[in-house]
Every structure is written in structure tokens, then in C-alpha cells.
Amino acid sequence: MAATSAPARWHRNLSAKVAAIPMIVTALVVFIGGTAWTVLYSFTNSKLLPREKFIGFGQYERLWSSNKWLISIENLAIYGGFSLVFSLLIGFILAALLDQKIRFEDTFRTILLYPFALSFIVTGLAWQWILNPDFGIQHVVRSLGWESFAFDPLYNPDIVIYGILIAGLWQGTGLIMCLMLAGLRGIDEDIWKAAKIDGIPMWKTYIFIVIPMMRGIFITAIVLVASGIIKVYDLVVAQTGGGPGISSEVPAKYVYDAMFLSQNLGQGFAASTMMLLTVAVIVIPWAYLEFGGKRRG
């Protein structure tokens, strides 16, 4: 019976398996092969073109001794931490407000989601104008009589990353709001009625009942936000170009500059490998706990 069941299982959905072969081959060649190629040549002295002159960890030593790279890591940590927290917090609060069946809900939802339809370049350029001290928010407030008001984050090296953060939150929070709203609309009405009958305050209902039930929605939102954090590049280029000086550099821009402006492929590959390692350190333990735990259960 076992000998005959194995071929039967193999021929089951055979057409679907054959159709998946090109996708599997593409994934193996492009993603896994490209990743291995990048890691391999990060140990070489490749400049304009790849070359197999291995120098060990020389590129990594140079990378971590670069002030530009250290600043980019610090900026990514600040941008990522605040972006993750505020995207989830603001998105959930907006979703909770819209879930109250307010009037013109469709209009508000469209307005809040509209920024997500824009490209990061458009968003960056728009907020570059809005935060410009000569004709942006600072100029408007001062024209109303507050002459001492100062708000020019894109021109202040100490807080420039927060100016980029504002633009990122403005664009991405709408999508998180829609995900949270879909999750809230999936909560059974009987749960709300039972909580109200038991006299549980609204905020406790959200924190101890609703949010745990929306675990899957939160995981999806975290993955989406985290993927945008790692590859943030367009906003920086559009708003500041990495300035003032190098105060708003991020890892993705460092990789681009090393590979295409400095024509140092080895350095760019080393930076790319560190970004990949960072993602792996976060994703692999999460995937193991998420899926391995379910399999054991």
C-alpha cells in the first residue's frame, strides 16, 4: 500500500506542480543565486567590475570604520523604531475611530489612504516643500504672528531624520489603518455586547480582548512596515539627498553610492550583506517561533 500511495501522491495536482517549476527555478537562480554571488564578492576587492581577488574581511573592516555607514545605521534604527511604533499606534487609533460608524466614513478613509497611492519620490518632494522654512510650515506660522517659531528639521543635522520620519508616516499610516479596520470589522458584535454588559471599559476591551484577537493583522502590518524600513531610500533622496552633509544617510543609499557613484562593488556588496544579515537575524527567529511552534502544537 505504501509503495502505491507514493506515486499517487506525486501525480496529485501534477499540472500545478509543473506550472510552479519556472517560479521555483527563478527563485533559486535569481534570489538564492544572486544572494550567494553578492556574499561571495563582498570578500573581494571588486571595483567597477567584479573580480576574484579575495581580501578576506577587508571590505567589512572598511565598512564599519566608515562614519557614513555608522550614521546610516543610527538613522535606520531611529527611523525604524519610531516608524514601527507610530505606524501601528496611529493606524490602530484611526481604525478604531472609523469603526464607530461615523458619517462620511468612506470619504475619510479615502483621504487617509490617498498618500499611500503616491510614490515615495512625490511624497518626499511634497514634504520638502512643506518643511522648507522659507515657504513651508515655519513661514506660515510666523506670518500669523509667532515670529520666534522655528521648525526646519530638514536643515538641522540633529533632527533631520525626524523630518523624513514625518513624511514616511504620512504616506504609510493609511495602509496600516485599512488593515486594522478590516481586522476590527471582523470582530464579532457579540464580543462587544458581552464586554458592555459586563461593564468592561472600552479601552480595556481593546487592549485585553480585541488586540489579542487581531494578532494576525498586527503581524502582517509589522512585516509590511519593516520591509519598508529596511529599503527606505526614495524619501531620503527626494527630501535631503543624504544631507545636510551625511546626517540623513541610510544603508540603502550607502549601497547605491558605493556601487554606482564610488564604483566600489566590493564595498556595496559588503553593505548589502550586512543588511541581509540584519533581516535574517530578525526574520528567522520569528519564522521559527511562528511556524515551528504551530507544527509542534
Protein backbone atom coordinates (compact mmCIF):
# COMPACT_ATOMS: atom_id res chain seq x y z
CA MET A 1 0.00 0.00 0.00
CA ALA A 2 2.82 2.41 0.84
CA ALA A 3 4.53 1.69 -2.49
CA THR A 4 1.42 2.52 -4.45
CA SER A 5 0.47 5.57 -2.40
CA ALA A 6 3.72 7.43 -3.05
CA PRO A 7 3.25 7.66 -6.86
CA ALA A 8 -0.38 8.60 -6.27
CA ARG A 9 0.68 11.49 -4.08
CA TRP A 10 3.25 12.55 -6.66
CA HIS A 11 0.71 12.63 -9.52
CA ARG A 12 -1.79 14.54 -7.44
CA ASN A 13 -2.03 18.14 -8.71
CA LEU A 14 0.70 17.34 -11.21
CA SER A 15 -0.25 20.20 -13.54
CA ALA A 16 0.02 22.70 -10.72
CA LYS A 17 3.44 21.35 -9.74
CA VAL A 18 4.67 21.55 -13.34
CA ALA A 19 3.37 25.13 -13.61
CA ALA A 20 5.30 26.05 -10.46
CA ILE A 21 8.64 24.85 -11.85
CA PRO A 22 9.53 28.16 -13.62
CA MET A 23 8.79 30.10 -10.45
CA ILE A 24 10.89 27.75 -8.35
CA VAL A 25 13.79 27.88 -10.80
CA THR A 26 13.58 31.68 -10.93
CA ALA A 27 13.63 31.87 -7.13
CA LEU A 28 16.63 29.55 -6.90
CA VAL A 29 18.63 31.25 -9.63
CA VAL A 30 17.73 34.90 -9.09
CA PHE A 31 17.24 35.17 -5.34
CA ILE A 32 19.37 32.43 -3.83
CA GLY A 33 22.00 32.57 -6.57
CA GLY A 34 22.11 36.37 -6.52
CA THR A 35 22.40 36.40 -2.75
CA ALA A 36 25.24 33.88 -2.78
CA TRP A 37 27.01 35.85 -5.53
CA THR A 38 26.71 39.07 -3.52
CA VAL A 39 28.06 37.49 -0.34
CA LEU A 40 30.92 35.85 -2.22
CA TYR A 41 32.10 39.03 -3.92
CA SER A 42 31.80 41.03 -0.70
CA PHE A 43 35.10 39.35 0.23
CA THR A 44 36.82 40.62 -2.92
CA ASN A 45 38.44 43.88 -3.99
CA SER A 46 35.93 44.41 -6.82
CA LYS A 47 35.77 47.97 -8.11
CA LEU A 48 33.97 48.92 -11.33
CA LEU A 49 33.65 45.26 -12.37
CA PRO A 50 33.61 42.07 -10.27
CA ARG A 51 36.96 40.37 -9.88
CA GLU A 52 38.05 37.37 -7.91
CA LYS A 53 40.75 38.97 -5.81
CA PHE A 54 39.83 37.90 -2.30
CA ILE A 55 40.87 40.15 0.58
CA GLY A 56 39.08 38.41 3.44
CA PHE A 57 37.12 40.73 5.72
CA GLY A 58 38.82 43.86 4.38
CA GLN A 59 35.61 45.32 2.96
CA TYR A 60 33.78 44.76 6.23
CA GLU A 61 36.55 46.38 8.26
CA ARG A 62 36.43 49.38 5.97
CA LEU A 63 32.63 49.40 6.17
CA TRP A 64 32.45 49.50 9.96
CA SER A 65 35.21 52.10 10.15
CA SER A 66 33.23 54.41 7.86
CA ASN A 67 31.48 57.24 9.67
CA LYS A 68 28.94 57.43 6.85
CA TRP A 69 27.90 53.81 7.40
CA LEU A 70 27.66 54.22 11.18
CA ILE A 71 25.45 57.28 10.75
CA SER A 72 23.26 55.41 8.29
CA ILE A 73 22.80 52.55 10.78
CA GLU A 74 21.91 55.00 13.55
CA ASN A 75 19.41 56.77 11.28
CA LEU A 76 17.83 53.48 10.26
CA ALA A 77 17.46 52.46 13.91
CA ILE A 78 15.79 55.77 14.80
CA TYR A 79 13.59 55.82 11.71
CA GLY A 80 12.70 52.15 12.07
CA GLY A 81 11.87 52.23 15.76
CA PHE A 82 9.64 55.31 15.60
CA SER A 83 8.10 54.30 12.28
CA LEU A 84 7.11 50.87 13.56
CA VAL A 85 5.62 52.15 16.81
CA PHE A 86 3.80 55.18 15.43
CA SER A 87 2.53 53.41 12.28
CA LEU A 88 0.85 50.74 14.38
CA LEU A 89 -0.36 53.17 17.04
CA ILE A 90 -1.73 55.85 14.72
CA GLY A 91 -3.12 53.28 12.29
CA PHE A 92 -4.98 51.47 15.06
CA ILE A 93 -6.35 54.67 16.61
CA LEU A 94 -7.62 55.90 13.22
CA ALA A 95 -9.16 52.50 12.52
CA ALA A 96 -10.86 52.47 15.93
CA LEU A 97 -12.32 55.91 15.26
CA LEU A 98 -13.60 54.93 11.82
CA ASP A 99 -15.04 51.74 13.26
CA GLN A 100 -17.54 53.83 15.23
CA LYS A 101 -19.71 54.07 12.07
CA ILE A 102 -19.12 57.80 11.72
CA ARG A 103 -20.65 59.86 8.93
CA PHE A 104 -18.67 60.23 5.70
CA GLU A 105 -16.55 57.23 6.68
CA ASP A 106 -15.80 56.41 3.04
CA THR A 107 -14.58 59.96 2.43
CA PHE A 108 -12.29 59.97 5.46
CA ARG A 109 -10.96 56.53 4.62
CA THR A 110 -10.17 57.62 1.06
CA ILE A 111 -8.43 60.79 2.23
CA LEU A 112 -6.31 58.91 4.76
CA LEU A 113 -5.38 56.18 2.29
CA TYR A 114 -4.65 58.54 -0.61
CA PRO A 115 -1.00 59.27 0.34
CA PHE A 116 -0.19 55.57 0.00
CA ALA A 117 -1.06 55.79 -3.70
CA LEU A 118 1.75 58.31 -4.23
CA SER A 119 5.32 57.33 -4.94
CA PHE A 120 7.94 57.99 -2.30
CA ILE A 121 9.62 60.48 -4.62
CA VAL A 122 6.43 62.55 -4.88
CA THR A 123 5.90 62.31 -1.13
CA GLY A 124 9.49 63.34 -0.44
CA LEU A 125 9.33 66.34 -2.76
CA ALA A 126 5.96 67.43 -1.32
CA TRP A 127 7.26 67.31 2.24
CA GLN A 128 10.47 69.01 1.20
CA TRP A 129 8.31 72.00 0.29
CA ILE A 130 6.09 71.69 3.37
CA LEU A 131 9.09 71.64 5.72
CA ASN A 132 11.01 74.35 3.90
CA PRO A 133 11.50 77.25 6.36
CA ASP A 134 11.13 79.91 3.65
CA PHE A 135 7.62 79.00 2.47
CA GLY A 136 6.52 75.95 4.47
CA ILE A 137 5.08 75.42 7.93
CA GLN A 138 7.58 77.74 9.63
CA HIS A 139 6.81 80.58 7.21
CA VAL A 140 3.03 80.15 7.63
CA VAL A 141 3.17 80.13 11.43
CA ARG A 142 5.48 83.14 11.54
CA SER A 143 3.18 85.05 9.19
CA LEU A 144 0.41 84.52 11.76
CA GLY A 145 2.42 86.40 14.39
CA TRP A 146 4.64 83.79 16.04
CA GLU A 147 7.95 85.26 14.89
CA SER A 148 10.04 83.07 17.17
CA PHE A 149 8.57 79.81 15.86
CA ALA A 150 11.24 77.54 14.35
CA PHE A 151 10.55 74.29 12.52
CA ASP A 152 13.14 73.33 9.91
CA PRO A 153 14.00 69.66 10.54
CA LEU A 154 15.40 69.06 7.05
CA TYR A 155 18.04 71.74 7.58
CA ASN A 156 19.04 70.69 11.09
CA PRO A 157 21.53 67.78 11.18
CA ASP A 158 20.42 66.77 14.67
CA ILE A 159 16.76 66.20 13.78
CA VAL A 160 16.76 65.71 10.01
CA ILE A 161 15.83 62.04 10.30
CA TYR A 162 12.63 63.04 12.10
CA GLY A 163 11.65 65.21 9.15
CA ILE A 164 11.97 62.13 6.93
CA LEU A 165 10.02 60.14 9.51
CA ILE A 166 7.09 62.57 9.27
CA ALA A 167 6.86 62.04 5.52
CA GLY A 168 7.11 58.27 5.91
CA LEU A 169 4.33 58.16 8.50
CA TRP A 170 2.12 60.41 6.37
CA GLN A 171 2.39 58.02 3.44
CA GLY A 172 2.30 54.64 5.14
CA THR A 173 -0.13 55.04 8.03
CA GLY A 174 -3.21 54.93 5.77
CA LEU A 175 -2.48 51.36 4.68
CA ILE A 176 -1.99 50.22 8.27
CA MET A 177 -5.28 51.93 9.17
CA CYS A 178 -7.12 49.94 6.47
CA LEU A 179 -5.60 46.67 7.68
CA MET A 180 -6.59 47.44 11.27
CA LEU A 181 -10.08 48.50 10.20
CA ALA A 182 -10.55 45.21 8.35
CA GLY A 183 -9.47 43.38 11.49
CA LEU A 184 -11.86 45.36 13.69
CA ARG A 185 -14.74 44.74 11.31
CA GLY A 186 -14.03 41.02 11.65
CA ILE A 187 -14.64 41.07 15.42
CA ASP A 188 -17.98 39.50 16.32
CA GLU A 189 -20.54 42.01 17.55
CA ASP A 190 -21.43 39.66 20.41
CA ILE A 191 -17.99 40.25 21.92
CA TRP A 192 -18.62 43.99 22.10
CA LYS A 193 -22.08 43.42 23.59
CA ALA A 194 -20.74 40.98 26.18
CA ALA A 195 -18.00 43.41 27.21
CA LYS A 196 -20.53 46.21 27.53
CA ILE A 197 -22.88 44.04 29.62
CA ASP A 198 -20.01 43.05 31.92
CA GLY A 199 -19.14 46.71 32.41
CA ILE A 200 -15.67 46.43 30.89
CA PRO A 201 -14.36 49.88 29.89
CA MET A 202 -13.84 50.46 26.18
CA TRP A 203 -10.06 50.83 26.47
CA LYS A 204 -9.76 47.55 28.36
CA THR A 205 -11.89 45.83 25.72
CA TYR A 206 -9.49 46.98 23.04
CA ILE A 207 -6.30 46.12 24.94
CA PHE A 208 -7.21 42.78 26.53
CA ILE A 209 -9.78 41.36 24.10
CA VAL A 210 -9.72 42.97 20.67
CA ILE A 211 -5.96 43.43 20.10
CA PRO A 212 -5.08 39.79 21.04
CA MET A 213 -7.74 38.64 18.56
CA MET A 214 -6.10 40.75 15.85
CA ARG A 215 -2.68 39.11 16.25
CA GLY A 216 -2.54 38.06 12.60
CA ILE A 217 -3.35 41.58 11.41
CA PHE A 218 -0.62 43.05 13.59
CA ILE A 219 1.93 40.55 12.30
CA THR A 220 1.03 41.43 8.70
CA ALA A 221 1.30 45.14 9.47
CA ILE A 222 4.67 44.69 11.18
CA VAL A 223 6.05 42.76 8.20
CA LEU A 224 4.87 45.45 5.76
CA VAL A 225 6.26 48.31 7.84
CA ALA A 226 9.56 46.51 8.50
CA SER A 227 10.09 45.80 4.79
CA GLY A 228 9.59 49.48 4.04
CA ILE A 229 12.00 50.49 6.80
CA ILE A 230 14.86 48.31 5.56
CA LYS A 231 14.66 49.57 1.99
CA VAL A 232 13.96 53.26 2.73
CA TYR A 233 15.79 55.21 0.05
CA ASP A 234 13.44 57.28 -2.10
CA LEU A 235 12.30 59.56 0.71
CA VAL A 236 15.86 60.40 1.70
CA VAL A 237 16.95 61.12 -1.88
CA ALA A 238 13.88 63.26 -2.57
CA GLN A 239 13.93 65.23 0.68
CA THR A 240 17.58 65.70 1.60
CA GLY A 241 19.84 63.73 -0.72
CA GLY A 242 21.53 62.45 2.42
CA GLY A 243 22.24 65.90 3.79
CA PRO A 244 22.92 68.19 5.48
CA GLY A 245 26.34 66.66 4.95
CA ILE A 246 25.84 62.97 5.64
CA SER A 247 23.43 63.41 8.56
CA SER A 248 20.46 61.69 6.86
CA GLU A 249 22.26 58.79 5.20
CA VAL A 250 20.60 55.35 5.29
CA PRO A 251 22.04 51.90 4.43
CA ALA A 252 20.21 51.56 1.09
CA LYS A 253 21.64 54.88 -0.08
CA TYR A 254 25.09 53.88 1.15
CA VAL A 255 24.91 50.74 -1.01
CA TYR A 256 23.83 52.74 -4.06
CA ASP A 257 26.55 55.35 -3.59
CA ALA A 258 29.26 52.73 -3.09
CA MET A 259 28.30 50.69 -6.13
CA PHE A 260 27.35 53.35 -8.67
CA LEU A 261 28.94 56.62 -7.56
CA SER A 262 32.17 55.40 -5.96
CA GLN A 263 32.30 52.39 -8.32
CA ASN A 264 33.29 50.12 -5.47
CA LEU A 265 31.29 46.93 -5.91
CA GLY A 266 33.04 45.12 -3.08
CA GLN A 267 32.06 47.77 -0.56
CA GLY A 268 28.50 47.87 -1.85
CA PHE A 269 28.27 44.07 -1.63
CA ALA A 270 29.59 44.14 1.94
CA ALA A 271 26.96 46.71 2.94
CA SER A 272 24.25 44.68 1.18
CA THR A 273 25.35 41.55 3.03
CA MET A 274 25.11 43.33 6.37
CA MET A 275 21.59 44.48 5.51
CA LEU A 276 20.68 40.91 4.56
CA LEU A 277 22.18 39.60 7.80
CA THR A 278 20.14 42.10 9.80
CA VAL A 279 16.94 40.95 8.13
CA ALA A 280 17.84 37.29 8.65
CA VAL A 281 18.53 37.82 12.37
CA ILE A 282 15.02 39.26 12.74
CA VAL A 283 13.04 37.06 10.35
CA ILE A 284 14.48 33.59 11.04
CA PRO A 285 13.74 33.51 14.82
CA TRP A 286 10.28 34.97 14.18
CA ALA A 287 9.52 32.40 11.46
CA TYR A 288 10.75 29.58 13.71
CA LEU A 289 8.57 30.69 16.62
CA GLU A 290 5.58 31.39 14.37
CA PHE A 291 5.54 28.26 12.22
CA GLY A 292 7.71 25.85 14.19
CA GLY A 293 5.58 26.34 17.29
CA LYS A 294 2.39 25.62 15.32
CA ARG A 295 3.92 22.46 13.82
CA ARG A 296 4.95 21.17 17.25
CA GLY A 297 1.49 22.01 18.59
